Amino acid sequence: MVNLIGTYECTVDNKGRIMIPAQLKKQLDGVTSDPFIIKRSVFQNCLELFPFSEWKLMMDKVNKLNRFIKKNNDFIRMYTAGVKSVDLDSNGRILIPRDLITISKLKKHVVLSSSINIIEVWDKDEYEKNINDPKIDFAKLTEDVMGNDNENVS
């Protein structure tokens, strides 16, 4: 399993390419020879970039769903809508497909934000709005999500 750390500001060139920062590339060592999978996020207006090994793990879970149950079939269709395979080129860049640039409203300045085993690709302004959302009380959210986890209490 890949465990990524960091938030990186980058730019998208006029062809839709993003240079992967050197520190992030170091963390991806060993998985850059395989393609990456890029898709729309389920919950946010950003893209998700999966190392192929992580995508395979996700697809193993999805493939266990019974496709003869309508909501499972609908989920699979919607979850995989717009999914693309992208490669890291010899200069350390990935090409974001135009349709995904449009959907996620990426402009020139973007943020690559690690999210444990994937990288979120955000328009910089949207990322800042999301991280600084005054409607979200991060302390309360942390308590709600992590506060009842007695397995990790030291």
Protein backbone atom coordinates (compact mmCIF):
# COMPACT_ATOMS: atom_id res chain seq x y z
CA MET A 1 0.00 0.00 0.00
CA VAL A 2 1.19 3.48 -0.90
CA ASN A 3 1.23 6.10 1.89
CA LEU A 4 1.70 9.60 0.51
CA ILE A 5 2.48 12.79 2.42
CA GLY A 6 2.30 16.43 1.42
CA THR A 7 0.53 19.18 -0.44
CA TYR A 8 2.18 20.65 -3.52
CA GLU A 9 1.36 23.68 -5.64
CA CYS A 10 1.86 23.22 -9.38
CA THR A 11 0.80 24.71 -12.65
CA VAL A 12 -1.08 23.22 -15.58
CA ASP A 13 0.48 24.08 -18.93
CA ASN A 14 -1.62 24.97 -21.98
CA LYS A 15 -1.64 21.29 -23.06
CA GLY A 16 -3.05 20.14 -19.71
CA ARG A 17 0.18 18.72 -18.30
CA ILE A 18 1.21 18.87 -14.66
CA MET A 19 4.78 18.33 -13.51
CA ILE A 20 4.84 15.95 -10.53
CA PRO A 21 7.03 17.57 -7.85
CA ALA A 22 10.30 15.76 -7.09
CA GLN A 23 9.38 15.05 -3.45
CA LEU A 24 6.09 13.46 -4.49
CA LYS A 25 7.82 11.49 -7.24
CA LYS A 26 10.24 10.07 -4.65
CA GLN A 27 7.28 8.80 -2.64
CA LEU A 28 5.88 7.18 -5.77
CA ASP A 29 9.15 5.39 -6.50
CA GLY A 30 8.37 1.87 -7.61
CA VAL A 31 4.91 2.65 -8.98
CA THR A 32 5.72 5.22 -11.67
CA SER A 33 6.45 2.60 -14.34
CA ASP A 34 2.77 1.60 -14.26
CA PRO A 35 0.04 3.91 -15.52
CA PHE A 36 -1.94 6.05 -13.10
CA ILE A 37 -5.72 6.15 -13.08
CA ILE A 38 -7.41 9.53 -12.88
CA LYS A 39 -11.09 10.08 -12.13
CA ARG A 40 -13.62 12.51 -10.74
CA SER A 41 -13.94 12.60 -6.97
CA VAL A 42 -17.18 11.31 -5.49
CA PHE A 43 -17.54 14.00 -2.82
CA GLN A 44 -15.48 17.01 -3.95
CA ASN A 45 -14.91 19.08 -7.06
CA CYS A 46 -11.46 17.66 -7.67
CA LEU A 47 -9.80 14.74 -9.41
CA GLU A 48 -8.31 11.63 -7.84
CA LEU A 49 -5.04 10.22 -9.14
CA PHE A 50 -4.51 6.57 -8.21
CA PRO A 51 -1.26 4.68 -8.55
CA PHE A 52 -2.27 1.63 -10.59
CA SER A 53 -1.64 -0.75 -7.68
CA GLU A 54 -4.10 1.24 -5.53
CA TRP A 55 -6.66 1.30 -8.35
CA LYS A 56 -6.44 -2.48 -8.61
CA LEU A 57 -7.19 -2.78 -4.88
CA MET A 58 -10.21 -0.49 -5.29
CA MET A 59 -11.44 -2.45 -8.30
CA ASP A 60 -11.09 -5.69 -6.33
CA LYS A 61 -13.64 -4.27 -3.87
CA VAL A 62 -15.92 -2.96 -6.61
CA ASN A 63 -15.79 -6.26 -8.50
CA LYS A 64 -17.24 -8.05 -5.48
CA LEU A 65 -20.49 -6.11 -5.84
CA ASN A 66 -23.44 -8.02 -7.27
CA ARG A 67 -24.20 -6.32 -10.59
CA PHE A 68 -27.71 -7.80 -10.59
CA ILE A 69 -28.62 -5.37 -7.83
CA LYS A 70 -29.55 -2.11 -9.55
CA LYS A 71 -27.96 0.27 -7.01
CA ASN A 72 -24.67 -1.64 -7.29
CA ASN A 73 -24.76 -1.44 -11.07
CA ASP A 74 -25.64 2.28 -10.93
CA PHE A 75 -22.79 2.88 -8.47
CA ILE A 76 -20.25 1.07 -10.67
CA ARG A 77 -21.32 3.07 -13.73
CA MET A 78 -21.17 6.40 -11.93
CA TYR A 79 -17.96 5.62 -10.02
CA THR A 80 -16.09 4.68 -13.18
CA ALA A 81 -17.56 7.40 -15.42
CA GLY A 82 -14.76 9.38 -17.02
CA VAL A 83 -11.99 7.17 -15.64
CA LYS A 84 -8.80 7.49 -17.67
CA SER A 85 -5.37 5.90 -17.65
CA VAL A 86 -2.47 8.39 -17.71
CA ASP A 87 1.28 7.86 -17.79
CA LEU A 88 4.12 9.79 -16.28
CA ASP A 89 6.12 11.04 -19.26
CA SER A 90 9.93 11.14 -19.46
CA ASN A 91 9.89 14.67 -18.03
CA GLY A 92 7.85 13.66 -14.95
CA ARG A 93 4.54 15.10 -16.16
CA ILE A 94 1.05 13.71 -16.42
CA LEU A 95 -1.44 14.83 -19.02
CA ILE A 96 -4.85 15.61 -17.54
CA PRO A 97 -7.55 14.82 -20.12
CA ARG A 98 -9.47 17.91 -21.27
CA ASP A 99 -12.87 16.59 -20.14
CA LEU A 100 -11.55 16.09 -16.61
CA ILE A 101 -9.97 19.57 -16.59
CA THR A 102 -13.39 20.98 -17.49
CA ILE A 103 -15.31 18.88 -14.95
CA SER A 104 -12.97 19.78 -12.07
CA LYS A 105 -12.63 23.42 -13.22
CA LEU A 106 -8.84 23.29 -13.11
CA LYS A 107 -7.19 26.54 -14.05
CA LYS A 108 -3.49 27.38 -14.26
CA HIS A 109 -2.68 26.98 -10.55
CA VAL A 110 -3.41 23.59 -9.00
CA VAL A 111 -2.76 21.76 -5.76
CA LEU A 112 -1.71 18.12 -5.56
CA SER A 113 -2.81 16.96 -2.13
CA SER A 114 -1.91 13.56 -0.76
CA SER A 115 -4.86 11.64 0.59
CA ILE A 116 -3.14 8.58 2.08
CA ASN A 117 -2.93 6.31 -0.98
CA ILE A 118 -4.12 8.66 -3.73
CA ILE A 119 -3.43 12.22 -4.87
CA GLU A 120 -6.24 14.75 -5.10
CA VAL A 121 -5.84 17.26 -7.95
CA TRP A 122 -7.53 20.57 -7.11
CA ASP A 123 -7.86 23.98 -8.65
CA LYS A 124 -5.87 26.07 -6.12
CA ASP A 125 -8.73 28.45 -5.30
CA GLU A 126 -11.19 25.57 -4.83
CA TYR A 127 -8.72 23.77 -2.58
CA GLU A 128 -8.26 26.83 -0.37
CA LYS A 129 -12.03 27.31 -0.11
CA ASN A 130 -12.51 23.67 0.81
CA ILE A 131 -9.72 23.56 3.42
CA ASN A 132 -10.86 26.83 4.99
CA ASP A 133 -14.61 26.16 4.85
CA PRO A 134 -16.11 28.01 7.85
CA LYS A 135 -19.03 25.54 7.92
CA ILE A 136 -16.68 22.75 8.94
CA ASP A 137 -15.51 22.67 12.54
CA PHE A 138 -12.34 20.65 12.11
CA ALA A 139 -11.89 19.99 15.84
CA LYS A 140 -15.44 18.59 16.07
CA LEU A 141 -15.00 16.62 12.87
CA THR A 142 -11.79 15.09 14.24
CA GLU A 143 -13.50 14.15 17.49
CA ASP A 144 -16.48 12.64 15.65
CA VAL A 145 -14.37 10.64 13.24
CA MET A 146 -11.40 9.64 15.40
CA GLY A 147 -12.62 10.12 18.99
CA ASN A 148 -14.39 6.79 19.30
CA ASP A 149 -11.53 4.76 17.88
CA ASN A 150 -10.54 2.82 21.00
CA GLU A 151 -8.24 0.54 19.02
CA ASN A 152 -5.76 3.36 18.51
CA VAL A 153 -5.74 4.70 22.08
CA SER A 154 -2.25 4.55 23.60
